Amino acid sequence: MTEGCTPLEVLSVLELRDHDLAARCLEVIRLHVAEILPVGTRYRVEVIQVCHHHPQNVYPALGLFGPHTMAEFREAEQRIAAWVAERGLDWLVAASAGVTTPPWAGHPNPKSR
């Protein structure tokens, strides 16, 4: 795959069921990506909005931009999941307290349902 975006869902973060908090936690992961992914990784990682089958069903995920293979994607997915599991969601939530991200305004938040 060349330039483009492959969404990477961090399921444990989505289980928080709060899109603003999930986006902040994903930003913490993004800030640590240099220590999570192998040296020489050619793609960049950003927090993105993913639409799932309907414009009102939007949620945060990580996006891998730039050249990468499916094997590299799967490796990134596994490394990120392991990094999050090693630290735990409580650590990730605490680390996200000082992180600012654009508000998830205008998008449904499952916590408010």
N, C-alpha and C. Protein backbone atom coordinates (compact mmCIF):
# COMPACT_ATOMS: atom_id res chain seq x y z
N MET A 1 0.85 -1.17 0.00
CA MET A 1 0.00 0.00 0.00
C MET A 1 0.90 1.23 0.00
N THR A 2 0.54 2.24 -0.76
CA THR A 2 1.30 3.49 -0.77
C THR A 2 0.57 4.51 0.07
N GLU A 3 0.70 5.81 -0.27
CA GLU A 3 0.04 6.84 0.55
C GLU A 3 -1.45 6.55 0.60
N GLY A 4 -1.99 6.68 1.70
CA GLY A 4 -3.39 6.39 1.98
C GLY A 4 -3.50 6.23 3.48
N CYS A 5 -4.63 5.79 3.93
CA CYS A 5 -4.83 5.63 5.37
C CYS A 5 -5.46 4.29 5.66
N THR A 6 -4.86 3.56 6.56
CA THR A 6 -5.44 2.32 7.04
C THR A 6 -5.83 2.54 8.50
N PRO A 7 -7.14 2.45 8.82
CA PRO A 7 -7.56 2.64 10.21
C PRO A 7 -7.11 1.48 11.09
N LEU A 8 -6.63 1.81 12.27
CA LEU A 8 -6.23 0.83 13.25
C LEU A 8 -7.04 1.10 14.52
N GLU A 9 -7.95 0.18 14.82
CA GLU A 9 -8.82 0.34 15.99
C GLU A 9 -8.13 -0.27 17.21
N VAL A 10 -8.05 0.49 18.27
CA VAL A 10 -7.50 -0.02 19.53
C VAL A 10 -8.73 -0.36 20.39
N LEU A 11 -9.14 -1.62 20.32
CA LEU A 11 -10.42 -2.03 20.90
C LEU A 11 -10.52 -1.75 22.39
N SER A 12 -9.44 -1.95 23.13
CA SER A 12 -9.51 -1.69 24.57
C SER A 12 -9.81 -0.23 24.86
N VAL A 13 -9.33 0.68 24.01
CA VAL A 13 -9.61 2.11 24.20
C VAL A 13 -11.06 2.41 23.84
N LEU A 14 -11.58 1.77 22.80
CA LEU A 14 -12.98 1.99 22.43
C LEU A 14 -13.94 1.48 23.50
N GLU A 15 -13.50 0.52 24.30
CA GLU A 15 -14.34 0.01 25.39
C GLU A 15 -14.60 1.06 26.47
N LEU A 16 -13.85 2.16 26.44
CA LEU A 16 -14.10 3.25 27.39
C LEU A 16 -15.46 3.89 27.15
N ARG A 17 -15.98 3.75 25.93
CA ARG A 17 -17.30 4.25 25.54
C ARG A 17 -17.45 5.76 25.77
N ASP A 18 -16.38 6.49 25.60
CA ASP A 18 -16.38 7.95 25.69
C ASP A 18 -15.42 8.42 24.60
N HIS A 19 -15.96 8.96 23.52
CA HIS A 19 -15.13 9.31 22.37
C HIS A 19 -14.09 10.38 22.68
N ASP A 20 -14.41 11.35 23.50
CA ASP A 20 -13.42 12.38 23.86
C ASP A 20 -12.25 11.75 24.62
N LEU A 21 -12.56 10.91 25.59
CA LEU A 21 -11.53 10.23 26.36
C LEU A 21 -10.74 9.27 25.47
N ALA A 22 -11.42 8.54 24.61
CA ALA A 22 -10.74 7.61 23.70
C ALA A 22 -9.78 8.36 22.79
N ALA A 23 -10.21 9.51 22.26
CA ALA A 23 -9.34 10.30 21.38
C ALA A 23 -8.09 10.77 22.13
N ARG A 24 -8.26 11.18 23.39
CA ARG A 24 -7.10 11.61 24.19
C ARG A 24 -6.16 10.43 24.45
N CYS A 25 -6.72 9.27 24.75
CA CYS A 25 -5.89 8.08 24.98
C CYS A 25 -5.15 7.68 23.71
N LEU A 26 -5.82 7.77 22.57
CA LEU A 26 -5.16 7.47 21.30
C LEU A 26 -4.03 8.45 21.02
N GLU A 27 -4.22 9.70 21.41
CA GLU A 27 -3.16 10.70 21.24
C GLU A 27 -1.96 10.35 22.12
N VAL A 28 -2.19 9.84 23.32
CA VAL A 28 -1.08 9.39 24.18
C VAL A 28 -0.32 8.27 23.46
N ILE A 29 -1.05 7.32 22.89
CA ILE A 29 -0.40 6.24 22.14
C ILE A 29 0.41 6.82 20.99
N ARG A 30 -0.18 7.75 20.25
CA ARG A 30 0.51 8.37 19.12
C ARG A 30 1.81 9.04 19.57
N LEU A 31 1.77 9.70 20.72
CA LEU A 31 2.96 10.38 21.23
C LEU A 31 4.08 9.40 21.60
N HIS A 32 3.72 8.14 21.86
CA HIS A 32 4.70 7.12 22.24
C HIS A 32 5.03 6.16 21.10
N VAL A 33 4.54 6.45 19.91
CA VAL A 33 4.67 5.52 18.79
C VAL A 33 6.14 5.20 18.47
N ALA A 34 7.05 6.13 18.68
CA ALA A 34 8.47 5.88 18.39
C ALA A 34 9.04 4.76 19.26
N GLU A 35 8.52 4.61 20.48
CA GLU A 35 9.01 3.53 21.34
C GLU A 35 8.21 2.24 21.16
N ILE A 36 7.03 2.32 20.53
CA ILE A 36 6.18 1.15 20.34
C ILE A 36 6.54 0.42 19.05
N LEU A 37 6.71 1.17 17.97
CA LEU A 37 6.92 0.57 16.65
C LEU A 37 8.41 0.43 16.36
N PRO A 38 8.75 -0.46 15.43
CA PRO A 38 10.17 -0.69 15.11
C PRO A 38 10.85 0.56 14.56
N VAL A 39 12.14 0.66 14.81
CA VAL A 39 12.95 1.74 14.24
C VAL A 39 12.88 1.60 12.72
N GLY A 40 12.75 2.72 12.04
CA GLY A 40 12.70 2.70 10.58
C GLY A 40 11.30 2.57 10.01
N THR A 41 10.28 2.64 10.86
CA THR A 41 8.91 2.59 10.37
C THR A 41 8.71 3.74 9.38
N ARG A 42 8.16 3.42 8.20
CA ARG A 42 8.07 4.41 7.12
C ARG A 42 6.76 5.18 7.11
N TYR A 43 5.80 4.79 7.90
CA TYR A 43 4.50 5.46 7.87
C TYR A 43 4.33 6.33 9.10
N ARG A 44 3.39 7.25 9.03
CA ARG A 44 3.10 8.09 10.20
C ARG A 44 1.77 7.65 10.79
N VAL A 45 1.59 7.94 12.06
CA VAL A 45 0.38 7.54 12.79
C VAL A 45 -0.31 8.80 13.28
N GLU A 46 -1.62 8.90 13.03
CA GLU A 46 -2.43 10.04 13.47
C GLU A 46 -3.73 9.53 14.08
N VAL A 47 -4.35 10.35 14.91
CA VAL A 47 -5.69 10.06 15.42
C VAL A 47 -6.68 10.52 14.36
N ILE A 48 -7.59 9.63 13.98
CA ILE A 48 -8.56 9.93 12.92
C ILE A 48 -9.97 9.61 13.38
N GLN A 49 -10.93 10.04 12.58
CA GLN A 49 -12.33 9.67 12.79
C GLN A 49 -12.68 8.61 11.76
N VAL A 50 -13.29 7.52 12.20
CA VAL A 50 -13.69 6.44 11.32
C VAL A 50 -15.20 6.40 11.27
N CYS A 51 -15.74 6.32 10.07
CA CYS A 51 -17.18 6.20 9.87
C CYS A 51 -17.49 4.72 9.64
N HIS A 52 -18.41 4.18 10.40
CA HIS A 52 -18.76 2.76 10.31
C HIS A 52 -20.17 2.61 9.77
N HIS A 53 -20.30 2.45 8.47
CA HIS A 53 -21.56 2.16 7.77
C HIS A 53 -22.60 3.27 7.78
N HIS A 54 -22.44 4.29 8.57
CA HIS A 54 -23.46 5.34 8.66
C HIS A 54 -22.77 6.62 9.13
N PRO A 55 -23.11 7.77 8.52
CA PRO A 55 -22.44 9.03 8.89
C PRO A 55 -22.55 9.39 10.37
N GLN A 56 -23.55 8.90 11.06
CA GLN A 56 -23.70 9.21 12.49
C GLN A 56 -22.95 8.24 13.39
N ASN A 57 -22.37 7.19 12.79
CA ASN A 57 -21.62 6.21 13.57
C ASN A 57 -20.13 6.46 13.35
N VAL A 58 -19.60 7.47 14.01
CA VAL A 58 -18.20 7.88 13.86
C VAL A 58 -17.50 7.67 15.20
N TYR A 59 -16.28 7.13 15.14
CA TYR A 59 -15.53 6.90 16.37
C TYR A 59 -14.05 7.12 16.11
N PRO A 60 -13.26 7.35 17.16
CA PRO A 60 -11.82 7.60 16.98
C PRO A 60 -11.03 6.31 16.79
N ALA A 61 -9.99 6.43 16.00
CA ALA A 61 -9.06 5.32 15.77
C ALA A 61 -7.70 5.92 15.43
N LEU A 62 -6.72 5.08 15.29
CA LEU A 62 -5.43 5.52 14.77
C LEU A 62 -5.44 5.28 13.27
N GLY A 63 -4.79 6.15 12.53
CA GLY A 63 -4.66 5.97 11.09
C GLY A 63 -3.20 5.82 10.73
N LEU A 64 -2.88 4.81 9.94
CA LEU A 64 -1.52 4.63 9.43
C LEU A 64 -1.47 5.24 8.04
N PHE A 65 -0.66 6.28 7.87
CA PHE A 65 -0.55 7.01 6.60
C PHE A 65 0.82 6.74 5.99
N GLY A 66 0.85 6.49 4.71
CA GLY A 66 2.10 6.28 3.99
C GLY A 66 2.30 4.83 3.65
N PRO A 67 3.44 4.53 3.05
CA PRO A 67 3.68 3.17 2.56
C PRO A 67 3.80 2.16 3.70
N HIS A 68 3.00 1.11 3.61
CA HIS A 68 3.10 0.00 4.55
C HIS A 68 2.40 -1.22 3.96
N THR A 69 2.80 -2.37 4.41
CA THR A 69 2.20 -3.63 3.96
C THR A 69 1.20 -4.09 5.01
N MET A 70 0.42 -5.08 4.66
CA MET A 70 -0.52 -5.63 5.64
C MET A 70 0.24 -6.29 6.80
N ALA A 71 1.39 -6.87 6.52
CA ALA A 71 2.20 -7.45 7.60
C ALA A 71 2.66 -6.37 8.56
N GLU A 72 3.07 -5.22 8.04
CA GLU A 72 3.48 -4.10 8.89
C GLU A 72 2.29 -3.57 9.69
N PHE A 73 1.11 -3.53 9.07
CA PHE A 73 -0.11 -3.10 9.77
C PHE A 73 -0.40 -4.04 10.93
N ARG A 74 -0.38 -5.34 10.66
CA ARG A 74 -0.67 -6.32 11.72
C ARG A 74 0.34 -6.23 12.85
N GLU A 75 1.61 -6.02 12.49
CA GLU A 75 2.64 -5.87 13.52
C GLU A 75 2.37 -4.62 14.38
N ALA A 76 2.00 -3.52 13.73
CA ALA A 76 1.68 -2.29 14.48
C ALA A 76 0.49 -2.53 15.40
N GLU A 77 -0.53 -3.20 14.88
CA GLU A 77 -1.73 -3.49 15.67
C GLU A 77 -1.37 -4.32 16.91
N GLN A 78 -0.55 -5.34 16.72
CA GLN A 78 -0.15 -6.21 17.84
C GLN A 78 0.73 -5.47 18.85
N ARG A 79 1.67 -4.69 18.36
CA ARG A 79 2.57 -3.96 19.26
C ARG A 79 1.81 -2.91 20.08
N ILE A 80 0.89 -2.21 19.43
CA ILE A 80 0.11 -1.18 20.14
C ILE A 80 -0.79 -1.83 21.18
N ALA A 81 -1.46 -2.92 20.80
CA ALA A 81 -2.34 -3.63 21.76
C ALA A 81 -1.53 -4.13 22.95
N ALA A 82 -0.35 -4.68 22.70
CA ALA A 82 0.50 -5.18 23.79
C ALA A 82 0.98 -4.04 24.68
N TRP A 83 1.34 -2.90 24.08
CA TRP A 83 1.81 -1.74 24.83
C TRP A 83 0.70 -1.23 25.75
N VAL A 84 -0.52 -1.15 25.22
CA VAL A 84 -1.66 -0.69 26.02
C VAL A 84 -1.95 -1.70 27.14
N ALA A 85 -1.95 -2.99 26.82
CA ALA A 85 -2.24 -4.02 27.83
C ALA A 85 -1.19 -4.01 28.94
N GLU A 86 0.07 -3.79 28.57
CA GLU A 86 1.15 -3.77 29.56
C GLU A 86 0.98 -2.63 30.56
N ARG A 87 0.53 -1.49 30.09
CA ARG A 87 0.36 -0.32 30.96
C ARG A 87 -1.01 -0.31 31.64
N GLY A 88 -2.01 -0.79 30.97
CA GLY A 88 -3.36 -0.82 31.50
C GLY A 88 -4.14 0.44 31.15
N LEU A 89 -5.45 0.29 31.08
CA LEU A 89 -6.31 1.43 30.74
C LEU A 89 -6.27 2.52 31.79
N ASP A 90 -6.15 2.15 33.06
CA ASP A 90 -6.10 3.18 34.11
C ASP A 90 -4.90 4.10 33.90
N TRP A 91 -3.74 3.52 33.56
CA TRP A 91 -2.55 4.33 33.29
C TRP A 91 -2.79 5.23 32.09
N LEU A 92 -3.36 4.66 31.03
CA LEU A 92 -3.59 5.41 29.80
C LEU A 92 -4.55 6.58 30.05
N VAL A 93 -5.62 6.33 30.80
CA VAL A 93 -6.58 7.40 31.13
C VAL A 93 -5.89 8.49 31.94
N ALA A 94 -5.10 8.10 32.94
CA ALA A 94 -4.38 9.09 33.75
C ALA A 94 -3.40 9.89 32.89
N ALA A 95 -2.69 9.22 31.99
CA ALA A 95 -1.73 9.91 31.13
C ALA A 95 -2.41 10.85 30.15
N SER A 96 -3.67 10.59 29.85
CA SER A 96 -4.39 11.43 28.88
C SER A 96 -4.97 12.69 29.51
N ALA A 97 -4.89 12.81 30.83
CA ALA A 97 -5.52 13.94 31.52
C ALA A 97 -5.04 15.29 31.02
N GLY A 98 -3.77 15.41 30.69
CA GLY A 98 -3.24 16.70 30.24
C GLY A 98 -3.19 16.85 28.73
N VAL A 99 -3.71 15.87 28.01
CA VAL A 99 -3.65 15.88 26.55
C VAL A 99 -4.87 16.59 25.99
N THR A 100 -4.64 17.47 25.04
CA THR A 100 -5.77 18.13 24.39
C THR A 100 -5.91 17.60 22.97
N THR A 101 -7.13 17.36 22.59
CA THR A 101 -7.47 16.95 21.23
C THR A 101 -8.70 17.74 20.82
N PRO A 102 -8.97 17.82 19.53
CA PRO A 102 -10.21 18.50 19.14
C PRO A 102 -11.40 17.79 19.77
N PRO A 103 -12.40 18.53 20.23
CA PRO A 103 -13.56 17.89 20.84
C PRO A 103 -14.30 17.04 19.81
N TRP A 104 -14.96 16.05 20.29
CA TRP A 104 -15.70 15.14 19.43
C TRP A 104 -17.10 15.71 19.18
N ALA A 105 -17.22 17.03 19.17
CA ALA A 105 -18.51 17.71 19.03
C ALA A 105 -19.19 17.32 17.73
N GLY A 106 -20.48 17.17 17.80
CA GLY A 106 -21.27 16.86 16.62
C GLY A 106 -21.34 15.39 16.30
N HIS A 107 -20.60 14.58 17.03
CA HIS A 107 -20.63 13.15 16.79
C HIS A 107 -21.24 12.47 18.01
N PRO A 108 -22.06 11.47 17.77
CA PRO A 108 -22.70 10.80 18.90
C PRO A 108 -21.66 10.19 19.83
N ASN A 109 -21.92 10.27 21.09
CA ASN A 109 -21.04 9.70 22.09
C ASN A 109 -21.80 8.58 22.78
N PRO A 110 -21.34 7.34 22.69
CA PRO A 110 -22.10 6.24 23.28
C PRO A 110 -22.33 6.42 24.77
N LYS A 111 -21.46 7.18 25.45
CA LYS A 111 -21.63 7.38 26.89
C LYS A 111 -22.92 8.16 27.19
N SER A 112 -23.36 8.98 26.24
CA SER A 112 -24.54 9.80 26.48
C SER A 112 -25.84 9.11 26.07
N ARG A 113 -25.74 7.89 25.57
CA ARG A 113 -26.95 7.18 25.14
C ARG A 113 -27.67 6.55 26.29
